[in-house]
Amino acid sequence: MIRKINILAIFLLLSFGNIYSQKKLAASELQKIRAAYLSAVNFSAEVRVTAFKTATQKTGDPMGIGIIRKSKRGYYSKYLSDEMISNDHCTVIVDDLNKNITYIESGTNYFSSEFIRTMPSTDSLLKGTDSVMYKGIENTNQHFIFKCKSSPLQSIDMYVDSKSHFIKKLTYYYAPSNRENSYDMYKIEIVYDNISQNTVDNSWFSENKILSCKKGKPVLQSSYSSYKLSIAESYKKHPLK
């Protein structure tokens, strides 16, 4: 989510060279982030989301806390009323707000693909923004700034651990309100706490607390009897790539 200047010809040439090198350097560093998540055998983190309505607001308004767990071929995430469990044989998505549970017979790539999808996509950031600047290392974290011209976002700051290459913090800055649009928001911060690559207990990835299979069909546990069960088409027929 991200976004130049014209003065004299000689200055323009120098600026273009700097912008090109910045993009090249940023792209190289961003690849390390994707590689870190792809190669992580175990991964744990808590996620805090905070909203700031004005630039002068020192303490933001909490929007929610999330959990992410990954171990080999198991994946778990929860944020507000949405929960996901994915393992070797199925994926279960729980929507507590609407009391709906979706069951998917997993394909071989679903868990790892979903883990990468949950984390901010550096490829999407590059494609969805106009420019990126690599500010170097600040307090052990790499600092990237993505600039945007299109509403509603104006820029995104991303802070990445310089050793592990895991994202520590994302700050989304909103464009100023105008006659056409009023965003009622200055920025939103997403902070990843307690990042760890220690072994994750397999109980996180078991669907048994939600449903069990009887005669090859998923059946909800009694504690979820008031929920509607939806069975999605198998990912084995359409594996993710």
Protein backbone atom coordinates (compact mmCIF):
# COMPACT_ATOMS: atom_id res chain seq x y z
CA MET A 1 0.00 0.00 0.00
CA ILE A 2 2.41 2.73 -1.14
CA ARG A 3 3.58 5.73 -3.21
CA LYS A 4 8.57 11.70 -7.08
CA ILE A 5 9.73 14.81 -7.97
CA ASN A 6 10.94 16.86 -10.93
CA ILE A 7 13.51 19.64 -10.71
CA LEU A 8 16.56 19.86 -12.98
CA ALA A 9 17.55 17.21 -15.49
CA ILE A 10 20.81 16.38 -13.75
CA PHE A 11 19.08 16.05 -10.38
CA LEU A 12 16.37 13.89 -11.91
CA LEU A 13 18.97 11.46 -13.23
CA LEU A 14 20.61 11.21 -9.83
CA SER A 15 17.26 10.73 -8.15
CA PHE A 16 16.20 8.03 -10.61
CA GLY A 17 19.42 6.14 -9.94
CA ASN A 18 18.80 6.34 -6.20
CA ILE A 19 15.16 5.24 -6.53
CA TYR A 20 16.18 2.29 -8.68
CA SER A 21 18.83 1.18 -6.21
CA GLN A 22 16.38 1.63 -3.32
CA LYS A 23 13.82 -0.59 -5.04
CA LYS A 24 16.44 -3.19 -5.85
CA LEU A 25 17.76 -3.19 -2.29
CA ALA A 26 14.26 -3.27 -0.79
CA ALA A 27 13.17 -6.11 -3.07
CA SER A 28 16.23 -8.12 -2.06
CA GLU A 29 15.55 -7.60 1.66
CA LEU A 30 11.84 -8.31 1.26
CA GLN A 31 12.64 -11.68 -0.32
CA LYS A 32 14.42 -12.63 2.91
CA ILE A 33 11.17 -12.02 4.81
CA ARG A 34 9.16 -14.35 2.60
CA ALA A 35 11.93 -16.98 2.80
CA ALA A 36 11.93 -16.77 6.61
CA TYR A 37 8.23 -17.56 6.86
CA LEU A 38 8.40 -20.29 4.22
CA SER A 39 11.28 -22.05 5.98
CA ALA A 40 9.85 -21.78 9.51
CA VAL A 41 9.16 -25.29 10.82
CA ASN A 42 7.64 -23.90 14.02
CA PHE A 43 6.25 -20.42 14.52
CA SER A 44 4.27 -18.72 17.27
CA ALA A 45 3.16 -15.14 17.75
CA GLU A 46 0.50 -13.01 19.37
CA VAL A 47 -0.95 -10.13 17.37
CA ARG A 48 -2.15 -6.78 18.76
CA VAL A 49 -4.17 -4.38 16.62
CA THR A 50 -4.54 -0.77 17.79
CA ALA A 51 -6.33 2.19 16.17
CA PHE A 52 -5.38 5.87 16.45
CA LYS A 53 -8.03 8.32 15.28
CA THR A 54 -5.81 11.41 15.43
CA ALA A 55 -2.08 12.21 15.19
CA THR A 56 -2.13 13.61 18.72
CA GLN A 57 -3.63 10.48 20.27
CA LYS A 58 -0.86 8.93 22.37
CA THR A 59 -2.69 5.80 23.53
CA GLY A 60 -4.61 4.01 20.82
CA ASP A 61 -7.88 2.12 21.02
CA PRO A 62 -7.42 -1.68 21.14
CA MET A 63 -9.14 -3.42 18.22
CA GLY A 64 -8.30 -7.01 19.11
CA ILE A 65 -5.70 -9.63 19.96
CA GLY A 66 -4.89 -12.61 17.77
CA ILE A 67 -2.93 -15.87 17.97
CA ILE A 68 -0.85 -17.62 15.31
CA ARG A 69 0.63 -21.11 15.66
CA LYS A 70 2.42 -23.26 13.06
CA SER A 71 4.27 -26.55 13.37
CA LYS A 72 5.39 -28.55 10.36
CA ARG A 73 2.05 -29.35 8.70
CA GLY A 74 -0.21 -27.90 11.37
CA TYR A 75 -1.61 -24.38 11.46
CA TYR A 76 -3.82 -22.44 13.90
CA SER A 77 -5.00 -18.84 14.01
CA LYS A 78 -7.60 -16.87 15.91
CA TYR A 79 -8.65 -13.22 15.76
CA LEU A 80 -11.81 -11.87 17.34
CA SER A 81 -14.65 -14.21 16.28
CA ASP A 82 -12.71 -16.09 13.58
CA GLU A 83 -10.73 -19.26 14.28
CA MET A 84 -8.91 -21.64 11.92
CA ILE A 85 -7.40 -25.07 12.44
CA SER A 86 -5.54 -26.82 9.63
CA ASN A 87 -3.74 -30.17 9.65
CA ASP A 88 -2.88 -33.14 7.44
CA HIS A 89 -6.44 -34.17 6.69
CA CYS A 90 -8.73 -31.18 7.11
CA THR A 91 -9.16 -27.47 7.69
CA VAL A 92 -11.87 -26.14 9.99
CA ILE A 93 -12.91 -22.48 10.01
CA VAL A 94 -15.06 -21.26 12.90
CA ASP A 95 -17.09 -18.06 12.71
CA ASP A 96 -18.36 -17.49 16.24
CA LEU A 97 -20.18 -14.29 15.31
CA ASN A 98 -22.43 -15.94 12.73
CA LYS A 99 -22.25 -19.38 14.34
CA ASN A 100 -20.98 -21.05 11.21
CA ILE A 101 -18.32 -23.76 10.82
CA THR A 102 -16.74 -24.63 7.47
CA TYR A 103 -15.08 -28.00 6.96
CA ILE A 104 -12.57 -28.50 4.15
CA GLU A 105 -10.83 -31.74 3.27
CA SER A 106 -7.33 -30.32 2.87
CA GLY A 107 -5.00 -30.59 -0.07
CA THR A 108 -1.29 -31.08 0.46
CA ASN A 109 -0.39 -27.37 0.30
CA TYR A 110 -3.23 -25.81 2.24
CA PHE A 111 -1.65 -25.32 5.68
CA SER A 112 1.60 -23.73 4.51
CA SER A 113 -0.26 -21.59 1.97
CA GLU A 114 -2.68 -20.39 4.64
CA PHE A 115 0.18 -19.54 7.01
CA ILE A 116 1.87 -17.40 4.34
CA ARG A 117 -1.49 -15.82 3.57
CA THR A 118 -2.08 -14.88 7.20
CA MET A 119 1.22 -13.03 7.41
CA PRO A 120 1.48 -9.75 5.46
CA SER A 121 2.44 -10.50 1.84
CA THR A 122 5.55 -8.56 0.79
CA ASP A 123 4.70 -9.29 -2.86
CA SER A 124 1.27 -7.70 -2.40
CA LEU A 125 2.81 -4.69 -0.66
CA LEU A 126 5.18 -4.11 -3.59
CA LYS A 127 2.45 -4.52 -6.20
CA GLY A 128 -0.15 -2.51 -4.33
CA THR A 129 2.00 0.54 -3.64
CA ASP A 130 3.82 3.14 -5.74
CA SER A 131 7.25 3.15 -4.13
CA VAL A 132 9.25 1.54 -1.37
CA MET A 133 12.15 2.92 0.64
CA TYR A 134 14.53 0.87 2.78
CA LYS A 135 15.59 3.02 5.73
CA GLY A 136 18.14 0.57 7.12
CA ILE A 137 18.33 -0.80 10.65
CA GLU A 138 16.77 1.09 13.54
CA ASN A 139 17.04 -0.44 17.02
CA THR A 140 17.79 -3.92 15.61
CA ASN A 141 14.79 -3.72 13.23
CA GLN A 142 14.85 -3.11 9.49
CA HIS A 143 12.59 -0.20 8.52
CA PHE A 144 10.68 -0.13 5.22
CA ILE A 145 8.34 2.64 4.07
CA PHE A 146 5.77 1.97 1.37
CA LYS A 147 4.14 5.02 -0.21
CA CYS A 148 0.66 5.12 -1.69
CA LYS A 149 -1.22 7.65 -3.81
CA SER A 150 -4.56 5.92 -3.85
CA SER A 151 -7.01 6.17 -0.97
CA PRO A 152 -7.58 5.24 1.72
CA LEU A 153 -3.96 4.53 2.70
CA GLN A 154 -1.17 7.09 2.39
CA SER A 155 1.77 4.97 3.53
CA ILE A 156 2.80 1.84 5.42
CA ASP A 157 5.76 1.51 7.78
CA MET A 158 7.06 -2.01 8.29
CA TYR A 159 9.58 -3.03 10.94
CA VAL A 160 11.33 -6.38 10.55
CA ASP A 161 13.70 -8.16 12.92
CA SER A 162 17.12 -7.86 11.26
CA LYS A 163 18.20 -11.34 12.39
CA SER A 164 15.12 -13.54 12.04
CA HIS A 165 13.50 -11.50 9.21
CA PHE A 166 10.11 -11.86 10.87
CA ILE A 167 7.80 -8.84 10.81
CA LYS A 168 7.56 -7.11 14.19
CA LYS A 169 5.27 -4.18 13.42
CA LEU A 170 3.15 -2.68 10.66
CA THR A 171 1.73 0.84 10.77
CA TYR A 172 -0.93 1.80 8.22
CA TYR A 173 -1.29 5.59 7.80
CA TYR A 174 -4.55 6.82 6.35
CA ALA A 175 -4.86 9.64 3.83
CA PRO A 176 -6.28 12.92 5.20
CA SER A 177 -10.03 13.23 4.93
CA ASN A 178 -11.44 15.37 2.12
CA ARG A 179 -14.83 16.33 0.69
CA GLU A 180 -15.26 12.96 -0.97
CA ASN A 181 -13.88 10.69 1.73
CA SER A 182 -13.71 10.75 5.49
CA TYR A 183 -11.73 7.88 6.99
CA ASP A 184 -12.05 8.90 10.64
CA MET A 185 -8.66 7.29 11.26
CA TYR A 186 -5.03 8.48 11.48
CA LYS A 187 -3.28 5.12 11.68
CA ILE A 188 -3.63 1.46 12.63
CA GLU A 189 -0.79 -0.45 14.25
CA ILE A 190 -0.34 -4.22 14.04
CA VAL A 191 2.27 -5.56 16.46
CA TYR A 192 3.56 -9.13 16.56
CA ASP A 193 4.53 -10.10 20.11
CA ASN A 194 6.26 -13.16 21.58
CA ILE A 195 7.55 -14.39 18.24
CA SER A 196 9.09 -17.83 18.70
CA GLN A 197 10.33 -20.79 16.68
CA ASN A 198 10.10 -23.21 19.59
CA THR A 199 8.21 -26.47 19.12
CA VAL A 200 4.43 -25.98 19.21
CA ASP A 201 2.22 -28.50 20.98
CA ASN A 202 0.19 -30.56 18.49
CA SER A 203 -3.02 -30.02 20.49
CA TRP A 204 -3.30 -26.59 18.81
CA PHE A 205 -3.93 -28.32 15.48
CA SER A 206 -6.56 -30.87 16.47
CA GLU A 207 -10.10 -30.37 15.20
CA ASN A 208 -11.53 -32.85 17.73
CA LYS A 209 -12.81 -30.18 20.11
CA ILE A 210 -15.00 -28.86 17.28
CA LEU A 211 -16.02 -31.94 15.30
CA SER A 212 -15.39 -35.61 14.72
CA CYS A 213 -15.83 -37.88 11.74
CA LYS A 214 -18.51 -40.54 11.79
CA LYS A 215 -18.75 -42.93 8.84
CA GLY A 216 -16.43 -40.61 6.94
CA LYS A 217 -18.57 -37.50 7.53
CA PRO A 218 -17.82 -34.57 9.85
CA VAL A 219 -20.21 -34.17 12.78
CA LEU A 220 -20.17 -31.24 15.20
CA GLN A 221 -19.45 -31.82 18.87
CA SER A 222 -22.28 -31.12 21.30
CA SER A 223 -20.69 -27.84 22.43
CA TYR A 224 -21.15 -26.56 18.85
CA SER A 225 -24.63 -27.98 18.30
CA SER A 226 -26.10 -24.50 17.73
CA TYR A 227 -23.67 -23.85 14.83
CA LYS A 228 -24.33 -24.52 11.14
CA LEU A 229 -21.86 -26.89 9.47
CA SER A 230 -20.87 -26.19 5.84
CA ILE A 231 -18.77 -28.70 3.89
CA ALA A 232 -16.63 -27.04 1.23
CA GLU A 233 -15.26 -28.69 -1.89
CA SER A 234 -12.08 -30.62 -1.29
CA TYR A 235 -8.79 -28.83 -1.92
CA LYS A 236 -7.47 -32.14 -3.25
CA LYS A 237 -9.46 -31.36 -6.39
CA HIS A 238 -8.06 -27.84 -6.60
CA PRO A 239 -4.71 -27.81 -4.74
CA LEU A 240 -3.25 -24.43 -3.87
CA LYS A 241 0.07 -23.53 -5.50
